[in-house]
Amino acid sequence: MNPLPANPPRREFLRTILPLSLGIALWAGTLIGACVSSYTQGRTVTPVYHAAVADWFAGRSLYAGSGMHYLPQFIFLFLPFHLLPAPLGDILWRVLSAALLALSLWSLLRLLQSRWTAVMFALASLLALRSCFSAMRNGQANVIFAAFTILAAIRLARSRWGPASLWLLASLVAKPIGLVMMLLAAPVYRKLIWRLVFGLAVFALFPFLFGHAAYVLAQYGQSVRHLSSLSATTENRFADLNGLLRALGIGLAGRASQIVRAGAGLVAAAFWWWHARRKSEPDRSIFLLAVATTWLMLFNPMTEENGYVIVAPVLAVYALRFLFVERRPAFGWILVCVSLLIGAVPDIFGQRYPNVGLWWRPLMILIFAAVLVATARSQPSAGTTSESPS
């Protein structure tokens, strides 16, 4: 007599195939809705990207009022989509960004080595996608940036130093704030250092293949001045910690704001470096992702409400990790509530109180930061290896 199968087909279907299909359907439905909404409402930033590509090849300034808040290398990331006919290029840009983010979320959850990975993927998609929708609709680089940072963390967890370096460099191409995770990672994962040095040299020289030296150098100089000016912005349209402080009547401006942000960066770096030595993989790399994205939401002066797509997948993974893997339901349910409320409250009250998201979202991330601090020392390693990162 043949023994009964250890994993009956019905159970396998309910635990794997069905939730994975639901998760994919959620991403596909959200992407379709985002594309339709973009073209019916005219909510898109891709014209800025098209204009920047056109300016580069016409030899014009990238930073003369075009809204270009990226390094010159971003031109070549968006170039293939610029060359396609409209609206095909813009649609494929959104499809690639969303597909990479969904794939990175699935791969990150697989690091947890749980038999409930497919269920967690469906639930994480449900938790994160509300914070992803607006950025997907607008075609913002935040979506692909979020995917690049997660993919870098996954490669770090697997000690794949070359691919990890490439994903970190890709995140810098997508947004200058990619430098944050790179600076945090290099001192701990020291095998990255020579690869990043070489990669950054190629990164810096690459634009010279597509422009005269004088023009490229001028764009580098303008990018530094432009991005430096943004670091002291006092506009009341950003959802960083200063958005919360402004709501309390104690907003920081100018030099004081820069000092606080720099100080917070040093504290975050020390916090990460101290705890990284005591963690094994994949706990270490997931923790790096959480520290980097939390700092970016709270202390990047250009954090828009749509920028919370960067932290939403990480927040969802932490919530489900506490619930499914580490069996710490109190922290898990706190983060589930944060994941849901971070977008729900601005949606419900935003029409009556237009600036509610500017202070509510950083308030929710402060709760996430508090959970990270509370669990950093006691968090058990659900890892595959305790190999030294250096």
Protein backbone atom coordinates (compact mmCIF):
# COMPACT_ATOMS: atom_id res chain seq x y z
CA MET A 1 0.00 0.00 0.00
CA ASN A 2 1.32 3.43 -0.94
CA PRO A 3 1.77 5.79 2.00
CA LEU A 4 -0.42 8.86 2.14
CA PRO A 5 1.32 11.95 0.75
CA ALA A 6 2.83 14.14 3.43
CA ASN A 7 1.44 17.27 1.81
CA PRO A 8 -1.98 16.61 0.24
CA PRO A 9 -2.69 18.54 -2.98
CA ARG A 10 -5.60 20.43 -1.42
CA ARG A 11 -3.46 21.69 1.44
CA GLU A 12 -0.67 22.64 -0.95
CA PHE A 13 -3.18 24.53 -3.10
CA LEU A 14 -4.55 26.47 -0.12
CA ARG A 15 -1.14 27.25 1.33
CA THR A 16 0.83 28.01 -1.83
CA ILE A 17 -0.93 28.24 -5.18
CA LEU A 18 -4.04 30.14 -4.10
CA PRO A 19 -2.34 32.86 -1.98
CA LEU A 20 0.45 33.30 -4.54
CA SER A 21 -2.16 33.75 -7.27
CA LEU A 22 -4.05 36.24 -5.11
CA GLY A 23 -0.86 38.18 -4.46
CA ILE A 24 -0.03 38.35 -8.16
CA ALA A 25 -3.62 39.39 -8.91
CA LEU A 26 -3.37 42.20 -6.36
CA TRP A 27 -0.22 43.56 -8.01
CA ALA A 28 -1.65 43.21 -11.51
CA GLY A 29 -4.93 44.86 -10.54
CA THR A 30 -3.18 47.71 -8.77
CA LEU A 31 -0.87 48.26 -11.73
CA ILE A 32 -3.77 48.32 -14.20
CA GLY A 33 -5.68 50.71 -11.95
CA ALA A 34 -2.60 52.92 -11.62
CA CYS A 35 -2.11 53.11 -15.40
CA VAL A 36 -5.77 53.85 -16.06
CA SER A 37 -5.86 56.46 -13.29
CA SER A 38 -2.72 58.12 -14.59
CA TYR A 39 -4.14 58.71 -18.04
CA THR A 40 -7.67 59.60 -16.98
CA GLN A 41 -6.55 62.03 -14.27
CA GLY A 42 -3.33 63.24 -15.89
CA ARG A 43 -1.35 62.32 -12.76
CA THR A 44 2.16 61.53 -13.98
CA VAL A 45 5.74 62.74 -13.54
CA THR A 46 7.14 60.97 -16.59
CA PRO A 47 7.01 64.17 -18.71
CA VAL A 48 9.72 65.49 -16.38
CA TYR A 49 11.84 62.43 -17.16
CA HIS A 50 11.23 62.76 -20.91
CA ALA A 51 12.17 66.44 -20.79
CA ALA A 52 15.38 65.65 -18.92
CA VAL A 53 16.43 63.05 -21.50
CA ALA A 54 15.68 65.51 -24.31
CA ASP A 55 17.65 68.25 -22.51
CA TRP A 56 20.69 65.99 -22.13
CA PHE A 57 20.92 65.09 -25.81
CA ALA A 58 20.23 68.71 -26.80
CA GLY A 59 23.05 69.90 -24.55
CA ARG A 60 20.75 71.91 -22.29
CA SER A 61 20.86 72.19 -18.51
CA LEU A 62 19.09 69.40 -16.68
CA TYR A 63 18.46 71.53 -13.63
CA ALA A 64 17.06 74.79 -15.00
CA GLY A 65 13.55 74.49 -13.61
CA SER A 66 12.75 71.05 -15.03
CA GLY A 67 12.09 69.37 -11.69
CA MET A 68 15.03 67.02 -12.26
CA HIS A 69 16.01 65.93 -8.73
CA TYR A 70 18.29 63.09 -9.82
CA LEU A 71 21.90 62.58 -10.79
CA PRO A 72 22.72 62.74 -14.51
CA GLN A 73 22.96 58.93 -14.66
CA PHE A 74 19.18 58.72 -14.28
CA ILE A 75 18.94 59.86 -17.90
CA PHE A 76 20.25 56.51 -19.10
CA LEU A 77 17.96 54.49 -16.85
CA PHE A 78 14.92 56.15 -18.41
CA LEU A 79 16.35 56.44 -21.94
CA PRO A 80 14.95 53.11 -23.29
CA PHE A 81 11.43 54.15 -22.26
CA HIS A 82 11.90 57.62 -23.73
CA LEU A 83 12.74 56.10 -27.10
CA LEU A 84 9.51 54.09 -27.25
CA PRO A 85 6.36 55.68 -28.67
CA ALA A 86 3.90 57.23 -26.23
CA PRO A 87 2.18 55.99 -24.18
CA LEU A 88 3.90 52.59 -24.55
CA GLY A 89 7.16 53.78 -22.97
CA ASP A 90 5.43 55.21 -19.92
CA ILE A 91 3.31 52.09 -19.45
CA LEU A 92 6.34 49.77 -19.70
CA TRP A 93 8.22 51.97 -17.21
CA ARG A 94 5.41 51.44 -14.72
CA VAL A 95 5.18 47.72 -15.51
CA LEU A 96 8.92 47.17 -15.02
CA SER A 97 8.98 49.16 -11.78
CA ALA A 98 5.97 47.37 -10.29
CA ALA A 99 7.14 43.92 -11.46
CA LEU A 100 10.56 44.41 -9.90
CA LEU A 101 9.01 45.57 -6.64
CA ALA A 102 6.64 42.60 -6.50
CA LEU A 103 9.49 40.19 -7.32
CA SER A 104 11.73 41.77 -4.70
CA LEU A 105 8.99 41.49 -2.06
CA TRP A 106 8.51 37.79 -2.86
CA SER A 107 12.26 37.16 -2.76
CA LEU A 108 12.62 39.00 0.54
CA LEU A 109 9.89 36.90 2.13
CA ARG A 110 11.56 33.72 0.87
CA LEU A 111 14.61 34.63 2.96
CA LEU A 112 12.51 33.99 6.06
CA GLN A 113 12.30 30.29 5.11
CA SER A 114 8.72 29.87 6.22
CA ARG A 115 6.28 27.36 4.78
CA TRP A 116 3.81 30.26 4.75
CA THR A 117 5.79 32.34 2.23
CA ALA A 118 2.97 32.46 -0.33
CA VAL A 119 0.42 33.43 2.32
CA MET A 120 2.76 36.14 3.60
CA PHE A 121 3.25 37.42 0.04
CA ALA A 122 -0.50 37.85 -0.43
CA LEU A 123 -0.86 39.56 2.96
CA ALA A 124 2.24 41.74 2.48
CA SER A 125 0.89 42.82 -0.91
CA LEU A 126 -2.41 43.72 0.70
CA LEU A 127 -0.65 45.73 3.41
CA ALA A 128 1.84 47.51 1.16
CA LEU A 129 0.02 48.25 -2.06
CA ARG A 130 -2.07 51.14 -0.75
CA SER A 131 1.15 53.03 -0.09
CA CYS A 132 2.47 51.99 -3.52
CA PHE A 133 -0.50 52.97 -5.66
CA SER A 134 0.07 56.72 -5.99
CA ALA A 135 3.74 56.33 -6.86
CA MET A 136 2.86 53.64 -9.41
CA ARG A 137 0.15 55.87 -10.88
CA ASN A 138 2.51 58.82 -11.21
CA GLY A 139 5.32 56.70 -12.65
CA GLN A 140 7.71 57.89 -9.97
CA ALA A 141 11.23 56.52 -9.66
CA ASN A 142 10.48 55.77 -6.00
CA VAL A 143 8.94 52.45 -7.09
CA ILE A 144 11.98 51.11 -8.91
CA PHE A 145 14.25 52.58 -6.23
CA ALA A 146 12.39 50.58 -3.57
CA ALA A 147 12.86 47.43 -5.64
CA PHE A 148 16.59 48.06 -6.10
CA THR A 149 17.18 48.51 -2.36
CA ILE A 150 15.32 45.29 -1.51
CA LEU A 151 17.18 43.35 -4.20
CA ALA A 152 20.48 44.69 -2.81
CA ALA A 153 19.54 43.50 0.69
CA ILE A 154 18.66 40.05 -0.64
CA ARG A 155 22.05 39.71 -2.35
CA LEU A 156 23.80 40.85 0.82
CA ALA A 157 21.97 38.17 2.79
CA ARG A 158 23.29 35.56 0.35
CA SER A 159 26.86 36.97 0.35
CA ARG A 160 26.58 37.76 -3.35
CA TRP A 161 28.88 40.77 -3.20
CA GLY A 162 29.03 41.54 -6.92
CA PRO A 163 25.25 41.56 -7.55
CA ALA A 164 24.71 43.37 -4.23
CA SER A 165 27.08 46.12 -5.37
CA LEU A 166 25.29 46.39 -8.71
CA TRP A 167 21.88 46.76 -7.05
CA LEU A 168 23.25 49.38 -4.65
CA LEU A 169 24.67 51.30 -7.60
CA ALA A 170 21.35 50.93 -9.43
CA SER A 171 19.57 52.47 -6.45
CA LEU A 172 21.94 55.44 -6.67
CA VAL A 173 21.12 55.78 -10.37
CA ALA A 174 17.41 55.76 -9.56
CA LYS A 175 17.66 58.32 -6.74
CA PRO A 176 20.58 60.11 -5.05
CA ILE A 177 19.30 58.88 -1.67
CA GLY A 178 20.61 55.45 -2.68
CA LEU A 179 23.87 56.69 -1.17
CA VAL A 180 22.39 56.20 2.33
CA MET A 181 22.12 52.41 2.16
CA MET A 182 25.48 52.22 0.42
CA LEU A 183 27.22 54.14 3.21
CA LEU A 184 25.53 52.05 5.88
CA ALA A 185 26.36 48.74 4.22
CA ALA A 186 30.01 49.22 3.25
CA PRO A 187 31.60 49.37 6.75
CA VAL A 188 29.80 46.17 7.82
CA TYR A 189 29.96 44.24 4.54
CA ARG A 190 33.58 45.14 3.86
CA LYS A 191 33.84 42.86 0.81
CA LEU A 192 31.66 45.43 -0.92
CA ILE A 193 34.18 48.23 -0.61
CA TRP A 194 36.50 47.60 -3.56
CA ARG A 195 33.54 46.61 -5.73
CA LEU A 196 31.71 49.81 -4.87
CA VAL A 197 34.83 51.91 -5.46
CA PHE A 198 35.26 50.37 -8.90
CA GLY A 199 31.52 50.63 -9.60
CA LEU A 200 31.39 54.28 -8.57
CA ALA A 201 34.29 55.05 -10.91
CA VAL A 202 32.36 53.49 -13.81
CA PHE A 203 29.22 55.27 -12.56
CA ALA A 204 31.01 58.65 -12.66
CA LEU A 205 32.63 58.11 -16.06
CA PHE A 206 29.64 56.62 -17.87
CA PRO A 207 27.92 59.95 -18.80
CA PHE A 208 31.09 61.05 -20.62
CA LEU A 209 30.30 58.40 -23.26
CA PHE A 210 27.20 60.40 -24.20
CA GLY A 211 28.26 64.03 -23.88
CA HIS A 212 31.14 66.46 -24.22
CA ALA A 213 33.36 66.60 -21.15
CA ALA A 214 32.63 70.28 -20.48
CA TYR A 215 28.88 69.68 -20.61
CA VAL A 216 29.01 66.60 -18.36
CA LEU A 217 31.18 68.39 -15.80
CA ALA A 218 28.78 71.34 -15.85
CA GLN A 219 25.84 69.00 -15.17
CA TYR A 220 27.70 67.39 -12.29
CA GLY A 221 28.34 70.81 -10.78
CA GLN A 222 24.73 71.88 -11.24
CA SER A 223 23.45 68.61 -9.73
CA VAL A 224 25.55 69.14 -6.60
CA ARG A 225 24.31 72.72 -6.18
CA HIS A 226 20.71 71.75 -6.92
CA LEU A 227 20.63 68.80 -4.54
CA SER A 228 22.42 70.80 -1.84
CA SER A 229 19.78 73.52 -2.06
CA LEU A 230 17.06 70.90 -1.57
CA SER A 231 18.64 69.74 1.69
CA ALA A 232 17.58 73.01 3.34
CA THR A 233 14.07 73.20 1.90
CA THR A 234 11.35 74.59 4.17
CA GLU A 235 8.36 73.96 1.89
CA ASN A 236 5.32 72.63 3.68
CA ARG A 237 4.69 69.81 1.22
CA PHE A 238 7.03 67.10 2.45
CA ALA A 239 6.19 64.25 4.80
CA ASP A 240 9.44 63.87 6.72
CA LEU A 241 9.86 64.39 10.45
CA ASN A 242 9.83 68.13 9.86
CA GLY A 243 6.30 67.75 8.50
CA LEU A 244 5.27 66.45 11.92
CA LEU A 245 7.24 69.15 13.72
CA ARG A 246 5.65 71.88 11.59
CA ALA A 247 2.21 70.57 12.54
CA LEU A 248 3.27 70.97 16.18
CA GLY A 249 4.51 74.52 15.50
CA ILE A 250 8.19 73.71 16.04
CA GLY A 251 9.39 73.07 12.48
CA LEU A 252 13.13 73.31 11.82
CA ALA A 253 14.60 75.38 9.01
CA GLY A 254 17.95 76.07 7.38
CA ARG A 255 21.09 75.13 9.27
CA ALA A 256 19.20 73.72 12.27
CA SER A 257 17.36 71.29 10.02
CA GLN A 258 20.58 70.15 8.36
CA ILE A 259 22.30 69.62 11.72
CA VAL A 260 19.41 67.53 13.04
CA ARG A 261 19.34 65.40 9.90
CA ALA A 262 23.10 64.85 9.97
CA GLY A 263 22.98 64.00 13.67
CA ALA A 264 20.14 61.55 13.07
CA GLY A 265 22.21 59.97 10.31
CA LEU A 266 25.11 59.40 12.69
CA VAL A 267 22.79 57.94 15.33
CA ALA A 268 21.17 55.62 12.77
CA ALA A 269 24.57 54.52 11.49
CA ALA A 270 25.84 53.79 15.00
CA PHE A 271 22.62 51.93 15.84
CA TRP A 272 22.93 49.81 12.69
CA TRP A 273 26.65 49.11 13.03
CA TRP A 274 26.33 48.15 16.70
CA HIS A 275 23.51 45.66 16.17
CA ALA A 276 24.75 44.37 12.81
CA ARG A 277 27.70 42.68 14.52
CA ARG A 278 25.32 40.63 16.64
CA LYS A 279 23.03 39.47 13.87
CA SER A 280 23.28 36.68 11.33
CA GLU A 281 21.76 36.55 7.88
CA PRO A 282 19.15 37.25 6.68
CA ASP A 283 18.29 39.17 9.85
CA ARG A 284 21.25 41.50 9.34
CA SER A 285 20.41 42.58 5.79
CA ILE A 286 16.69 42.95 6.51
CA PHE A 287 17.59 45.10 9.51
CA LEU A 288 19.82 47.23 7.25
CA LEU A 289 16.89 47.72 4.89
CA ALA A 290 14.63 48.75 7.77
CA VAL A 291 17.13 51.23 9.25
CA ALA A 292 17.93 52.80 5.86
CA THR A 293 14.32 53.20 4.72
CA THR A 294 13.15 54.45 8.13
CA TRP A 295 15.85 57.11 8.19
CA LEU A 296 14.99 58.15 4.63
CA MET A 297 11.32 58.62 5.45
CA LEU A 298 12.01 60.68 8.57
CA PHE A 299 15.10 62.69 7.61
CA ASN A 300 15.22 63.04 3.84
CA PRO A 301 13.99 66.64 3.42
CA MET A 302 12.37 65.74 0.09
CA THR A 303 10.24 62.85 1.38
CA GLU A 304 6.91 63.12 -0.41
CA GLU A 305 3.79 61.26 0.66
CA ASN A 306 4.20 59.05 -2.40
CA GLY A 307 7.72 58.28 -1.22
CA TYR A 308 6.37 55.92 1.43
CA VAL A 309 6.38 53.22 -1.25
CA ILE A 310 10.05 52.89 -0.24
CA VAL A 311 9.29 51.72 3.30
CA ALA A 312 5.88 50.06 2.82
CA PRO A 313 7.17 46.61 1.71
CA VAL A 314 9.72 46.54 4.54
CA LEU A 315 7.07 47.49 7.08
CA ALA A 316 4.79 44.73 5.81
CA VAL A 317 7.58 42.13 5.92
CA TYR A 318 8.42 43.02 9.52
CA ALA A 319 4.76 42.79 10.54
CA LEU A 320 4.33 39.34 9.02
CA ARG A 321 7.69 38.15 10.25
CA PHE A 322 6.63 38.88 13.82
CA LEU A 323 3.32 37.08 13.26
CA PHE A 324 4.37 34.03 11.23
CA VAL A 325 8.05 33.43 11.99
CA GLU A 326 9.00 34.85 15.37
CA ARG A 327 5.59 34.41 17.02
CA ARG A 328 5.57 37.84 18.62
CA PRO A 329 2.01 38.87 17.87
CA ALA A 330 2.01 42.12 19.85
CA PHE A 331 4.69 43.68 17.62
CA GLY A 332 3.18 42.05 14.55
CA TRP A 333 -0.29 43.49 15.07
CA ILE A 334 1.13 46.92 15.91
CA LEU A 335 2.89 46.97 12.54
CA VAL A 336 -0.15 45.61 10.73
CA CYS A 337 -2.11 48.57 12.11
CA VAL A 338 0.68 50.95 11.11
CA SER A 339 0.74 49.49 7.58
CA LEU A 340 -3.00 49.95 7.19
CA LEU A 341 -3.37 53.31 8.91
CA ILE A 342 -0.39 54.99 7.25
CA GLY A 343 -2.44 55.32 4.07
CA ALA A 344 -6.01 55.00 5.35
CA VAL A 345 -6.03 58.11 7.56
CA PRO A 346 -4.83 60.51 4.82
CA ASP A 347 -7.31 58.93 2.42
CA ILE A 348 -10.24 59.36 4.80
CA PHE A 349 -9.43 62.80 6.16
CA GLY A 350 -7.25 64.26 3.38
CA GLN A 351 -10.03 66.08 1.58
CA ARG A 352 -11.03 67.96 4.72
CA TYR A 353 -7.50 68.30 6.11
CA PRO A 354 -5.18 68.46 3.07
CA ASN A 355 -1.93 68.35 5.08
CA VAL A 356 -2.84 65.47 7.36
CA GLY A 357 -0.56 63.05 5.49
CA LEU A 358 2.44 65.32 5.99
CA TRP A 359 2.46 64.66 9.73
CA TRP A 360 0.54 61.38 10.02
CA ARG A 361 2.86 59.31 7.85
CA PRO A 362 6.07 60.24 9.71
CA LEU A 363 4.22 59.66 12.99
CA MET A 364 3.49 56.08 11.86
CA ILE A 365 7.13 55.58 10.88
CA LEU A 366 8.20 56.78 14.32
CA ILE A 367 6.17 53.86 15.71
CA PHE A 368 7.99 51.52 13.32
CA ALA A 369 11.30 53.00 14.48
CA ALA A 370 10.30 52.41 18.11
CA VAL A 371 9.55 48.76 17.31
CA LEU A 372 12.94 48.41 15.62
CA VAL A 373 14.67 49.81 18.69
CA ALA A 374 12.63 47.66 21.08
CA THR A 375 13.34 44.45 19.18
CA ALA A 376 16.87 45.09 17.90
CA ARG A 377 18.68 43.32 20.74
CA SER A 378 16.23 40.56 21.49
CA GLN A 379 15.32 39.72 17.91
CA PRO A 380 16.21 36.08 17.28
CA SER A 381 18.08 35.28 14.14
CA ALA A 382 15.87 33.49 11.64
CA GLY A 383 18.82 33.14 9.38
CA THR A 384 20.49 30.77 7.06
CA THR A 385 24.01 31.51 8.18
CA SER A 386 25.99 33.30 10.83
CA GLU A 387 28.92 33.95 8.48
CA SER A 388 30.75 37.20 9.10
CA PRO A 389 29.79 39.92 6.61
CA SER A 390 33.37 41.04 6.21
